[in-house]
Amino acid sequence: MFLKIGKKIKEIRESQNMTQEELAADTNIENIGRLETGNTNPTIRTLYKLSKALKVKLKDLVDVE
């Protein structure tokens, strides 16, 4: 499941022409690459920060099939 969430984060980030570095700066999260590849499990707080920085609803960020 975390791999799918990571892919969704990357998809949204890239659709907004945002780099990992820009997203990291906006969220104060250093391991964006690890999140996107599913190599780390994000907390709900991390997901919330990402949703705000990406300007999407948290539900849309984690709604993966």
N, C-alpha and C. Protein backbone atom coordinates (compact mmCIF):
# COMPACT_ATOMS: atom_id res chain seq x y z
N MET A 1 0.82 -1.19 0.00
CA MET A 1 0.00 0.00 0.00
C MET A 1 0.87 1.26 0.00
N PHE A 2 1.96 1.27 0.77
CA PHE A 2 2.81 2.45 0.83
C PHE A 2 3.50 2.72 -0.50
N LEU A 3 3.77 1.68 -1.25
CA LEU A 3 4.35 1.86 -2.58
C LEU A 3 3.35 2.59 -3.49
N LYS A 4 2.08 2.23 -3.39
CA LYS A 4 1.06 2.89 -4.20
C LYS A 4 0.88 4.35 -3.79
N ILE A 5 0.94 4.61 -2.49
CA ILE A 5 0.84 6.00 -2.03
C ILE A 5 2.04 6.79 -2.53
N GLY A 6 3.22 6.19 -2.47
CA GLY A 6 4.42 6.85 -2.96
C GLY A 6 4.33 7.20 -4.43
N LYS A 7 3.80 6.26 -5.21
CA LYS A 7 3.63 6.52 -6.64
C LYS A 7 2.64 7.66 -6.87
N LYS A 8 1.61 7.72 -6.04
CA LYS A 8 0.61 8.78 -6.15
C LYS A 8 1.23 10.14 -5.81
N ILE A 9 2.06 10.17 -4.77
CA ILE A 9 2.75 11.40 -4.40
C ILE A 9 3.60 11.88 -5.57
N LYS A 10 4.37 10.97 -6.14
CA LYS A 10 5.24 11.31 -7.26
C LYS A 10 4.44 11.80 -8.46
N GLU A 11 3.35 11.11 -8.76
CA GLU A 11 2.50 11.48 -9.90
C GLU A 11 1.96 12.90 -9.73
N ILE A 12 1.46 13.21 -8.55
CA ILE A 12 0.90 14.54 -8.30
C ILE A 12 2.00 15.59 -8.35
N ARG A 13 3.13 15.28 -7.71
CA ARG A 13 4.25 16.23 -7.69
C ARG A 13 4.72 16.55 -9.10
N GLU A 14 4.90 15.51 -9.91
CA GLU A 14 5.37 15.73 -11.29
C GLU A 14 4.33 16.45 -12.13
N SER A 15 3.05 16.20 -11.90
CA SER A 15 2.01 16.89 -12.66
C SER A 15 2.01 18.38 -12.38
N GLN A 16 2.59 18.76 -11.24
CA GLN A 16 2.68 20.17 -10.87
C GLN A 16 4.06 20.75 -11.17
N ASN A 17 4.86 19.98 -11.92
CA ASN A 17 6.22 20.42 -12.28
C ASN A 17 7.03 20.82 -11.05
N MET A 18 6.90 20.04 -9.99
CA MET A 18 7.60 20.30 -8.75
C MET A 18 8.70 19.26 -8.57
N THR A 19 9.86 19.70 -8.14
CA THR A 19 10.95 18.76 -7.89
C THR A 19 10.82 18.19 -6.48
N GLN A 20 11.55 17.10 -6.24
CA GLN A 20 11.58 16.54 -4.89
C GLN A 20 12.15 17.56 -3.91
N GLU A 21 13.13 18.30 -4.35
CA GLU A 21 13.75 19.30 -3.49
C GLU A 21 12.77 20.40 -3.10
N GLU A 22 11.96 20.83 -4.06
CA GLU A 22 10.96 21.86 -3.77
C GLU A 22 9.91 21.34 -2.79
N LEU A 23 9.47 20.11 -3.00
CA LEU A 23 8.48 19.52 -2.09
C LEU A 23 9.08 19.35 -0.70
N ALA A 24 10.33 18.93 -0.64
CA ALA A 24 11.01 18.78 0.65
C ALA A 24 11.09 20.13 1.38
N ALA A 25 11.41 21.17 0.64
CA ALA A 25 11.50 22.51 1.25
C ALA A 25 10.14 22.99 1.74
N ASP A 26 9.09 22.72 0.97
CA ASP A 26 7.74 23.15 1.34
C ASP A 26 7.19 22.41 2.55
N THR A 27 7.65 21.18 2.77
CA THR A 27 7.10 20.34 3.83
C THR A 27 8.06 20.13 5.00
N ASN A 28 9.32 20.50 4.82
CA ASN A 28 10.35 20.22 5.81
C ASN A 28 10.51 18.71 6.03
N ILE A 29 10.34 17.96 4.94
CA ILE A 29 10.50 16.51 4.95
C ILE A 29 11.69 16.19 4.05
N GLU A 30 12.68 15.51 4.59
CA GLU A 30 13.91 15.28 3.85
C GLU A 30 13.88 14.03 2.96
N ASN A 31 13.03 13.09 3.24
CA ASN A 31 13.09 11.79 2.56
C ASN A 31 11.98 11.61 1.51
N ILE A 32 11.78 12.60 0.67
CA ILE A 32 10.75 12.53 -0.36
C ILE A 32 11.00 11.34 -1.30
N GLY A 33 12.23 11.14 -1.69
CA GLY A 33 12.55 10.02 -2.57
C GLY A 33 12.20 8.68 -1.95
N ARG A 34 12.51 8.52 -0.66
CA ARG A 34 12.18 7.27 0.03
C ARG A 34 10.67 7.08 0.15
N LEU A 35 9.95 8.17 0.32
CA LEU A 35 8.49 8.09 0.37
C LEU A 35 7.93 7.65 -0.98
N GLU A 36 8.44 8.27 -2.02
CA GLU A 36 7.93 7.98 -3.37
C GLU A 36 8.23 6.55 -3.82
N THR A 37 9.30 5.97 -3.32
CA THR A 37 9.63 4.59 -3.71
C THR A 37 9.07 3.56 -2.75
N GLY A 38 8.37 4.01 -1.71
CA GLY A 38 7.78 3.09 -0.76
C GLY A 38 8.77 2.50 0.22
N ASN A 39 9.95 3.10 0.33
CA ASN A 39 10.99 2.58 1.22
C ASN A 39 10.85 3.06 2.66
N THR A 40 9.88 3.90 2.92
CA THR A 40 9.59 4.34 4.29
C THR A 40 8.09 4.51 4.42
N ASN A 41 7.61 4.28 5.62
CA ASN A 41 6.17 4.38 5.87
C ASN A 41 5.84 5.77 6.42
N PRO A 42 5.04 6.54 5.69
CA PRO A 42 4.72 7.90 6.15
C PRO A 42 3.71 7.88 7.29
N THR A 43 3.87 8.82 8.20
CA THR A 43 2.88 9.00 9.26
C THR A 43 1.72 9.81 8.69
N ILE A 44 0.64 9.86 9.42
CA ILE A 44 -0.49 10.65 8.98
C ILE A 44 -0.10 12.14 8.95
N ARG A 45 0.74 12.56 9.86
CA ARG A 45 1.22 13.95 9.87
C ARG A 45 2.01 14.26 8.60
N THR A 46 2.87 13.32 8.19
CA THR A 46 3.65 13.50 6.97
C THR A 46 2.72 13.58 5.76
N LEU A 47 1.75 12.70 5.70
CA LEU A 47 0.80 12.71 4.59
C LEU A 47 0.00 14.01 4.56
N TYR A 48 -0.34 14.51 5.72
CA TYR A 48 -1.07 15.79 5.80
C TYR A 48 -0.21 16.93 5.26
N LYS A 49 1.05 16.99 5.67
CA LYS A 49 1.96 18.02 5.17
C LYS A 49 2.09 17.94 3.65
N LEU A 50 2.22 16.73 3.15
CA LEU A 50 2.34 16.54 1.69
C LEU A 50 1.08 17.00 0.97
N SER A 51 -0.08 16.65 1.52
CA SER A 51 -1.33 17.04 0.86
C SER A 51 -1.47 18.56 0.81
N LYS A 52 -1.07 19.24 1.88
CA LYS A 52 -1.14 20.70 1.89
C LYS A 52 -0.17 21.31 0.88
N ALA A 53 1.05 20.79 0.83
CA ALA A 53 2.06 21.32 -0.09
C ALA A 53 1.67 21.06 -1.54
N LEU A 54 1.02 19.92 -1.78
CA LEU A 54 0.61 19.56 -3.15
C LEU A 54 -0.77 20.12 -3.50
N LYS A 55 -1.41 20.75 -2.52
CA LYS A 55 -2.73 21.37 -2.72
C LYS A 55 -3.77 20.35 -3.17
N VAL A 56 -3.78 19.20 -2.51
CA VAL A 56 -4.79 18.18 -2.74
C VAL A 56 -5.36 17.76 -1.39
N LYS A 57 -6.54 17.17 -1.42
CA LYS A 57 -7.13 16.66 -0.19
C LYS A 57 -6.36 15.43 0.26
N LEU A 58 -6.24 15.25 1.55
CA LEU A 58 -5.54 14.09 2.09
C LEU A 58 -6.16 12.81 1.57
N LYS A 59 -7.47 12.79 1.49
CA LYS A 59 -8.20 11.63 0.97
C LYS A 59 -7.75 11.27 -0.44
N ASP A 60 -7.54 12.28 -1.27
CA ASP A 60 -7.11 12.04 -2.65
C ASP A 60 -5.69 11.51 -2.72
N LEU A 61 -4.87 11.89 -1.76
CA LEU A 61 -3.49 11.45 -1.72
C LEU A 61 -3.37 9.96 -1.37
N VAL A 62 -4.24 9.51 -0.47
CA VAL A 62 -4.13 8.13 0.01
C VAL A 62 -5.15 7.19 -0.63
N ASP A 63 -6.02 7.71 -1.46
CA ASP A 63 -7.05 6.87 -2.10
C ASP A 63 -6.42 6.16 -3.29
N VAL A 64 -5.85 4.99 -3.02
CA VAL A 64 -5.19 4.20 -4.06
C VAL A 64 -5.86 2.83 -4.12
N GLU A 65 -5.84 2.24 -5.28
CA GLU A 65 -6.45 0.91 -5.45
C GLU A 65 -5.41 -0.13 -5.67
